[in-house]
Amino acid sequence: MTERSASLLALPPPGCRKNFVETPVAKPALGREIIEMSFAQTLDNLPLQKSTLVRGFEELIAPKSDAELESMARTSRALTLQNFGRTMRLFAPLYLSNECINNCRYCGFSRDNPILRVTLSVEEVAAEAHYLQQAGFRQVLLVAGEHPKFVSGDYLVECVRALASDFPSIAIEVGPMASSDYVPIVRAGAEGLVVYQETYQRAVYAELHTAGPKRDFDYRLDCPERAYAAGFRRLGVGALFGLWRWQDEAIALAAHVDYLLRRCWQAQITISLPRLRPAAGGFRPLGLRFAHQFSSGRDCLEHARTAFFARRAGIVRRNDDERREPHRARRLHPPGHGTSASDRGRSNHSAGFSGRRRQASHRSI
């Protein structure tokens, strides 16, 4: 099976994923169809052609008075309770490795940062997961930098297989891969994938990603579809707010979600709003005004996201947002909130959850 040859029409019925991934999921003749229908074309035409859904979302994030914002808050809360009740889907990130071959100016994992590098053994991953299980978590997100030597497909398969019996829901947030490389990970027991485009602005993306495979904008953009073709049935997307004008990023993200809801219709789509955090490397946004604009407009975006997508997609929120801003948490009552590895002020603590220090570590050169 080639990288882009999986048919999005050859989908398994619910409960039959195992049988699905044991058989070919692609027809090479359909490879061109998938490329021609890539979201990249929709994104590039977005300034001139928006769907009805995206136009509606654009209206919601337009400047609002305090009274209008309060009305949006009440609507988003009502829709949350209507669609999710007072339930939450809690998950925790488990960092496998901060090794990375990419240079991303905003990321603490960036390869040129002189930081302590750590990759957990499968046994250490199992020990950390056991700690999370004892704390009550049943859903885990495995997070790693992009490095084929330290974070190979075989390594991820072994990690997922080691946790599958104890965690009914396992997701991964790693470097984009080919569909054929995702299939063994799904077979091992993973059912979710998280990949953030960081920014949907091509010029900004090129300036921020200076080396490594992550420079390929379109390959990352098409990652959710490749994962879906391989059998993943929960797909998380988002943009890193603070890198560019938040309204532009939000509209592009809404268009991406709209596209995935139609193309990957048997998967649950989840939406995150990660934002910049201090990290190794001392990155400062291309324009500090963008981070300030997002801070001042965040309430509007949060309410618009919930009000518009509550019936269509899952809403992911960091639990440390509730600790920092309890007034906002009380107003939103977001569904599916939990801990997330989405913010790019990353640090990989060598002591982990269990507090045991790692011996096999080294510093970047």
Protein backbone atom coordinates (compact mmCIF):
# COMPACT_ATOMS: atom_id res chain seq x y z
CA MET A 1 0.00 0.00 0.00
CA THR A 2 1.46 3.31 -1.04
CA GLU A 3 1.50 6.43 1.05
CA ARG A 4 -1.48 8.19 -0.45
CA SER A 5 -3.36 5.27 -1.99
CA ALA A 6 -5.87 4.42 0.72
CA SER A 7 -9.48 4.78 -0.30
CA LEU A 8 -11.55 6.92 2.05
CA LEU A 9 -14.60 5.04 0.84
CA ALA A 10 -13.38 1.62 1.98
CA LEU A 11 -14.29 2.16 5.63
CA PRO A 12 -15.13 -0.45 8.28
CA PRO A 13 -18.49 -0.56 10.06
CA PRO A 14 -18.37 0.27 13.77
CA GLY A 15 -16.81 -2.52 15.83
CA CYS A 16 -15.04 -4.13 12.87
CA ARG A 17 -11.75 -2.28 12.90
CA LYS A 18 -9.70 -5.38 13.56
CA ASN A 19 -10.99 -7.13 10.46
CA PHE A 20 -10.57 -3.93 8.51
CA VAL A 21 -6.89 -3.41 9.21
CA GLU A 22 -6.05 -7.06 8.56
CA THR A 23 -7.02 -6.59 4.93
CA PRO A 24 -5.86 -4.08 2.32
CA VAL A 25 -7.49 -0.70 2.76
CA ALA A 26 -6.30 0.88 -0.45
CA LYS A 27 -6.76 0.72 -4.15
CA PRO A 28 -3.74 2.24 -5.88
CA ALA A 29 -5.96 3.57 -8.66
CA LEU A 30 -7.61 5.90 -6.17
CA GLY A 31 -4.33 7.54 -5.13
CA ARG A 32 -4.76 10.40 -7.60
CA GLU A 33 -8.31 11.04 -6.37
CA ILE A 34 -7.10 11.59 -2.82
CA ILE A 35 -4.33 13.95 -3.89
CA GLU A 36 -6.69 15.92 -6.12
CA MET A 37 -9.18 16.28 -3.26
CA SER A 38 -6.56 17.37 -0.71
CA PHE A 39 -7.53 20.10 1.75
CA ALA A 40 -4.55 22.08 0.45
CA GLN A 41 -6.62 23.21 -2.53
CA THR A 42 -9.49 24.29 -0.29
CA LEU A 43 -7.08 26.19 1.96
CA ASP A 44 -5.39 28.00 -0.90
CA ASN A 45 -8.79 29.09 -2.27
CA LEU A 46 -10.19 30.02 1.13
CA PRO A 47 -9.94 33.82 0.72
CA LEU A 48 -12.18 33.58 -2.34
CA GLN A 49 -14.39 30.60 -1.61
CA LYS A 50 -15.78 29.66 1.81
CA SER A 51 -18.39 27.04 2.62
CA THR A 52 -21.64 28.00 4.33
CA LEU A 53 -20.33 26.55 7.59
CA VAL A 54 -17.10 28.53 7.44
CA ARG A 55 -18.93 31.76 6.62
CA GLY A 56 -21.17 31.20 9.63
CA PHE A 57 -18.16 30.63 11.86
CA GLU A 58 -16.49 33.77 10.48
CA GLU A 59 -19.52 35.79 11.54
CA LEU A 60 -19.34 34.36 15.06
CA ILE A 61 -15.75 35.48 15.60
CA ALA A 62 -16.33 38.99 14.25
CA PRO A 63 -15.87 41.78 16.85
CA LYS A 64 -18.54 41.58 19.57
CA SER A 65 -19.84 43.87 22.25
CA ASP A 66 -19.80 42.68 25.86
CA ALA A 67 -23.54 41.97 25.65
CA GLU A 68 -23.12 39.92 22.46
CA LEU A 69 -20.21 38.00 23.99
CA GLU A 70 -22.27 37.22 27.07
CA SER A 71 -25.07 35.95 24.84
CA MET A 72 -22.58 33.70 23.01
CA ALA A 73 -21.35 32.40 26.34
CA ARG A 74 -24.89 31.43 27.38
CA THR A 75 -25.50 29.76 24.01
CA SER A 76 -22.26 27.78 24.10
CA ARG A 77 -22.96 26.63 27.66
CA ALA A 78 -26.49 25.55 26.74
CA LEU A 79 -25.24 23.62 23.71
CA THR A 80 -22.53 21.97 25.78
CA LEU A 81 -25.05 20.76 28.34
CA GLN A 82 -27.45 19.67 25.60
CA ASN A 83 -24.88 17.62 23.71
CA PHE A 84 -22.55 16.42 26.48
CA GLY A 85 -24.34 16.94 29.77
CA ARG A 86 -21.92 17.49 32.64
CA THR A 87 -19.53 14.80 31.52
CA MET A 88 -15.84 15.02 30.71
CA ARG A 89 -13.50 12.75 28.83
CA LEU A 90 -10.25 13.00 30.77
CA PHE A 91 -6.95 12.02 29.20
CA ALA A 92 -3.30 12.52 30.11
CA PRO A 93 -0.23 13.04 27.94
CA LEU A 94 2.66 10.61 28.35
CA TYR A 95 5.88 11.96 26.87
CA LEU A 96 7.94 9.21 25.23
CA SER A 97 10.83 11.23 23.81
CA ASN A 98 11.96 14.79 23.17
CA GLU A 99 14.43 13.75 20.48
CA CYS A 100 13.67 15.63 17.27
CA ILE A 101 15.25 16.20 13.87
CA ASN A 102 13.20 19.30 13.10
CA ASN A 103 14.10 22.91 13.73
CA CYS A 104 10.91 24.69 14.77
CA ARG A 105 11.65 28.13 16.15
CA TYR A 106 8.86 28.07 18.75
CA CYS A 107 9.34 24.53 20.11
CA GLY A 108 11.36 23.43 23.12
CA PHE A 109 12.09 20.11 21.39
CA SER A 110 13.76 21.85 18.42
CA ARG A 111 16.92 19.98 17.45
CA ASP A 112 19.32 22.91 17.94
CA ASN A 113 18.19 23.61 21.51
CA PRO A 114 20.93 22.48 23.97
CA ILE A 115 18.55 20.56 26.25
CA LEU A 116 18.66 17.21 28.01
CA ARG A 117 17.31 14.58 25.61
CA VAL A 118 15.40 11.59 26.91
CA THR A 119 13.71 8.61 25.28
CA LEU A 120 11.84 6.19 27.54
CA SER A 121 12.28 2.47 27.13
CA VAL A 122 9.10 0.44 26.65
CA GLU A 123 9.45 -0.73 30.25
CA GLU A 124 9.66 2.88 31.46
CA VAL A 125 6.63 3.79 29.35
CA ALA A 126 4.69 0.95 31.00
CA ALA A 127 5.77 2.17 34.45
CA GLU A 128 4.63 5.73 33.73
CA ALA A 129 1.35 4.45 32.32
CA HIS A 130 0.81 2.33 35.43
CA TYR A 131 1.14 5.47 37.53
CA LEU A 132 -1.51 7.18 35.41
CA GLN A 133 -3.78 4.17 35.65
CA GLN A 134 -3.47 4.19 39.44
CA ALA A 135 -4.45 7.86 39.35
CA GLY A 136 -7.65 6.93 37.56
CA PHE A 137 -6.83 7.70 33.92
CA ARG A 138 -8.09 5.26 31.29
CA GLN A 139 -7.21 7.33 28.23
CA VAL A 140 -3.68 8.34 27.33
CA LEU A 141 -1.98 10.40 24.64
CA LEU A 142 1.54 9.25 23.70
CA VAL A 143 3.66 12.28 22.73
CA ALA A 144 7.09 12.36 21.09
CA GLY A 145 9.28 14.49 18.88
CA GLU A 146 9.96 13.44 15.32
CA HIS A 147 13.07 11.26 15.13
CA PRO A 148 13.15 8.03 13.07
CA LYS A 149 16.03 6.58 15.08
CA PHE A 150 14.54 7.04 18.56
CA VAL A 151 10.80 7.18 17.74
CA SER A 152 10.41 4.57 15.03
CA GLY A 153 7.20 2.91 13.95
CA ASP A 154 8.28 -0.32 15.65
CA TYR A 155 8.96 1.55 18.90
CA LEU A 156 5.49 3.10 18.83
CA VAL A 157 3.90 -0.28 18.13
CA GLU A 158 5.68 -1.76 21.14
CA CYS A 159 4.62 1.13 23.37
CA VAL A 160 0.97 0.91 22.30
CA ARG A 161 0.94 -2.87 22.65
CA ALA A 162 2.37 -2.60 26.17
CA LEU A 163 -0.50 -0.31 27.24
CA ALA A 164 -3.42 -1.69 25.23
CA SER A 165 -4.66 -4.10 27.89
CA ASP A 166 -4.91 -1.35 30.53
CA PHE A 167 -6.10 1.65 28.50
CA PRO A 168 -9.27 1.40 26.39
CA SER A 169 -8.29 4.59 24.52
CA ILE A 170 -4.75 5.26 23.26
CA ALA A 171 -3.88 8.17 20.98
CA ILE A 172 -0.57 9.33 19.56
CA GLU A 173 0.93 12.76 18.83
CA VAL A 174 4.09 12.16 16.84
CA GLY A 175 5.59 13.22 13.52
CA PRO A 176 3.39 12.62 10.45
CA MET A 177 3.73 9.19 8.89
CA ALA A 178 2.57 7.30 5.79
CA SER A 179 -0.71 5.38 5.94
CA SER A 180 1.15 2.09 5.67
CA ASP A 181 3.24 3.01 8.74
CA TYR A 182 0.12 3.88 10.75
CA VAL A 183 -1.61 0.54 10.14
CA PRO A 184 0.59 -1.53 12.56
CA ILE A 185 0.06 1.10 15.26
CA VAL A 186 -3.71 0.81 14.84
CA ARG A 187 -3.44 -2.98 14.94
CA ALA A 188 -1.50 -2.73 18.19
CA GLY A 189 -4.42 -0.88 19.81
CA ALA A 190 -4.18 2.87 19.08
CA GLU A 191 -7.41 4.53 17.96
CA GLY A 192 -6.64 8.25 18.04
CA LEU A 193 -4.19 10.62 16.37
CA VAL A 194 -3.46 14.26 17.14
CA VAL A 195 -1.65 16.49 14.64
CA TYR A 196 -1.66 20.27 14.72
CA GLN A 197 -0.83 22.28 11.61
CA GLU A 198 0.69 24.94 13.90
CA THR A 199 -0.16 27.70 11.39
CA TYR A 200 -2.26 27.56 8.23
CA GLN A 201 -0.32 30.47 6.71
CA ARG A 202 2.20 29.01 4.26
CA ALA A 203 4.70 31.89 4.41
CA VAL A 204 4.68 31.96 8.21
CA TYR A 205 5.02 28.16 8.33
CA ALA A 206 8.08 28.27 6.06
CA GLU A 207 9.74 30.94 8.20
CA LEU A 208 9.16 29.05 11.46
CA HIS A 209 10.21 25.57 10.28
CA THR A 210 13.78 25.97 9.09
CA ALA A 211 14.99 22.36 8.83
CA GLY A 212 13.73 18.80 8.90
CA PRO A 213 10.80 16.92 7.32
CA LYS A 214 8.30 19.15 9.09
CA ARG A 215 9.07 21.82 6.49
CA ASP A 216 6.68 19.98 4.15
CA PHE A 217 3.49 21.95 4.75
CA ASP A 218 1.20 19.81 2.57
CA TYR A 219 2.42 16.49 3.95
CA ARG A 220 1.49 17.60 7.44
CA LEU A 221 -1.80 19.06 6.23
CA ASP A 222 -2.83 15.71 4.70
CA CYS A 223 -1.82 13.70 7.79
CA PRO A 224 -5.34 13.30 9.28
CA GLU A 225 -6.61 11.73 6.06
CA ARG A 226 -3.70 9.28 5.91
CA ALA A 227 -4.36 8.34 9.53
CA TYR A 228 -8.07 7.88 8.83
CA ALA A 229 -7.32 5.64 5.84
CA ALA A 230 -5.12 3.50 8.12
CA GLY A 231 -7.93 2.96 10.63
CA PHE A 232 -7.70 5.74 13.22
CA ARG A 233 -11.19 6.75 14.32
CA ARG A 234 -10.44 9.82 16.44
CA LEU A 235 -8.59 12.72 14.81
CA GLY A 236 -7.46 15.83 16.67
CA VAL A 237 -6.56 19.06 14.86
CA GLY A 238 -5.68 22.60 15.88
CA ALA A 239 -3.52 25.64 15.21
CA LEU A 240 -0.92 27.18 17.50
CA PHE A 241 -2.45 30.52 18.35
CA GLY A 242 -0.07 33.43 18.76
CA LEU A 243 2.00 32.83 15.62
CA TRP A 244 -0.29 34.85 13.37
CA ARG A 245 -3.55 36.82 13.41
CA TRP A 246 -5.90 34.58 15.37
CA GLN A 247 -8.95 35.29 13.22
CA ASP A 248 -7.18 34.01 10.08
CA GLU A 249 -6.01 30.87 11.88
CA ALA A 250 -9.47 30.24 13.35
CA ILE A 251 -11.20 30.51 9.96
CA ALA A 252 -8.66 28.14 8.35
CA LEU A 253 -9.05 25.70 11.24
CA ALA A 254 -12.83 25.81 10.88
CA ALA A 255 -12.48 25.08 7.17
CA HIS A 256 -10.19 22.14 7.95
CA VAL A 257 -12.68 20.72 10.45
CA ASP A 258 -15.51 21.19 7.95
CA TYR A 259 -13.48 19.32 5.33
CA LEU A 260 -12.60 16.45 7.70
CA LEU A 261 -16.18 16.08 8.92
CA ARG A 262 -17.20 15.42 5.34
CA ARG A 263 -14.22 13.33 4.24
CA CYS A 264 -13.51 11.38 7.44
CA TRP A 265 -17.14 10.94 8.38
CA GLN A 266 -16.70 7.76 10.46
CA ALA A 267 -14.14 9.37 12.76
CA GLN A 268 -14.67 11.74 15.65
CA ILE A 269 -12.97 15.07 14.99
CA THR A 270 -11.70 17.01 18.00
CA ILE A 271 -10.64 20.65 18.07
CA SER A 272 -7.94 22.17 20.26
CA LEU A 273 -6.80 25.77 20.65
CA PRO A 274 -3.16 25.40 21.74
CA ARG A 275 -1.25 28.58 22.47
CA LEU A 276 2.36 29.61 22.89
CA ARG A 277 4.18 28.89 26.14
CA PRO A 278 7.72 29.81 27.22
CA ALA A 279 10.15 27.15 25.99
CA ALA A 280 13.82 26.41 25.45
CA GLY A 281 15.20 28.59 22.69
CA GLY A 282 13.54 31.78 23.93
CA PHE A 283 11.26 32.16 20.91
CA ARG A 284 9.33 35.40 20.58
CA PRO A 285 6.40 35.55 18.12
CA LEU A 286 6.96 37.18 14.76
CA GLY A 287 4.72 39.95 16.06
CA LEU A 288 3.98 40.23 19.77
CA ARG A 289 0.69 41.84 18.82
CA PHE A 290 -0.57 38.45 17.58
CA ALA A 291 -0.20 36.87 21.03
CA HIS A 292 -1.88 39.90 22.60
CA GLN A 293 -4.71 39.81 20.07
CA PHE A 294 -5.37 36.15 20.81
CA SER A 295 -5.42 36.81 24.54
CA SER A 296 -8.01 39.55 24.12
CA GLY A 297 -10.08 37.61 21.57
CA ARG A 298 -9.89 34.20 23.18
CA ASP A 299 -13.26 34.36 24.91
CA CYS A 300 -14.95 35.05 21.59
CA LEU A 301 -13.13 32.17 19.89
CA GLU A 302 -13.87 29.74 22.74
CA HIS A 303 -17.57 30.54 22.67
CA ALA A 304 -17.71 30.42 18.87
CA ARG A 305 -15.95 27.05 18.79
CA THR A 306 -18.35 25.54 21.29
CA ALA A 307 -21.48 27.15 19.88
CA PHE A 308 -20.67 26.17 16.31
CA PHE A 309 -19.06 22.74 16.64
CA ALA A 310 -20.63 21.25 19.78
CA ARG A 311 -23.00 19.11 17.69
CA ARG A 312 -20.33 18.18 15.17
CA ALA A 313 -16.98 17.67 16.93
CA GLY A 314 -15.33 17.17 20.29
CA ILE A 315 -13.92 20.15 22.18
CA VAL A 316 -10.54 19.67 23.88
CA ARG A 317 -9.34 21.96 26.64
CA ARG A 318 -6.30 21.89 28.89
CA ASN A 319 -6.99 21.46 32.59
CA ASP A 320 -4.30 24.01 33.42
CA ASP A 321 -6.47 26.59 31.65
CA GLU A 322 -9.01 26.00 34.40
CA ARG A 323 -6.35 26.51 37.06
CA ARG A 324 -5.09 29.74 35.48
CA GLU A 325 -8.50 31.12 34.50
CA PRO A 326 -11.26 29.57 36.65
CA HIS A 327 -13.74 32.31 35.71
CA ARG A 328 -13.53 31.27 32.04
CA ALA A 329 -13.81 27.57 32.90
CA ARG A 330 -16.97 28.14 34.93
CA ARG A 331 -18.59 30.01 32.04
CA LEU A 332 -17.68 27.51 29.33
CA HIS A 333 -18.10 24.12 31.02
CA PRO A 334 -16.15 22.57 28.12
CA PRO A 335 -16.78 18.92 27.24
CA GLY A 336 -13.92 16.52 26.82
CA HIS A 337 -11.53 18.69 28.77
CA GLY A 338 -8.40 17.13 30.13
CA THR A 339 -4.68 17.49 29.94
CA SER A 340 -3.23 17.99 26.51
CA ALA A 341 0.25 18.15 25.04
CA SER A 342 -0.91 20.72 22.54
CA ASP A 343 0.91 23.85 23.73
CA ARG A 344 4.37 24.15 22.22
CA GLY A 345 6.13 25.42 25.32
CA ARG A 346 7.25 21.84 25.73
CA SER A 347 9.50 20.30 28.34
CA ASN A 348 10.16 16.61 28.77
CA HIS A 349 10.69 16.02 32.46
CA SER A 350 13.28 13.33 33.00
CA ALA A 351 11.59 12.30 36.24
CA GLY A 352 8.24 11.62 34.57
CA PHE A 353 4.99 11.06 36.45
CA SER A 354 6.45 8.45 38.76
CA GLY A 355 9.34 10.67 39.89
CA ARG A 356 12.04 8.21 38.83
CA ARG A 357 14.94 9.81 36.98
CA ARG A 358 16.10 8.54 33.61
CA GLN A 359 19.63 7.23 33.26
CA ALA A 360 19.75 6.97 29.45
CA SER A 361 19.80 10.68 28.60
CA HIS A 362 22.11 13.07 26.80
CA ARG A 363 22.34 16.70 25.83
CA SER A 364 21.93 18.14 22.37
CA ILE A 365 25.17 19.16 20.71
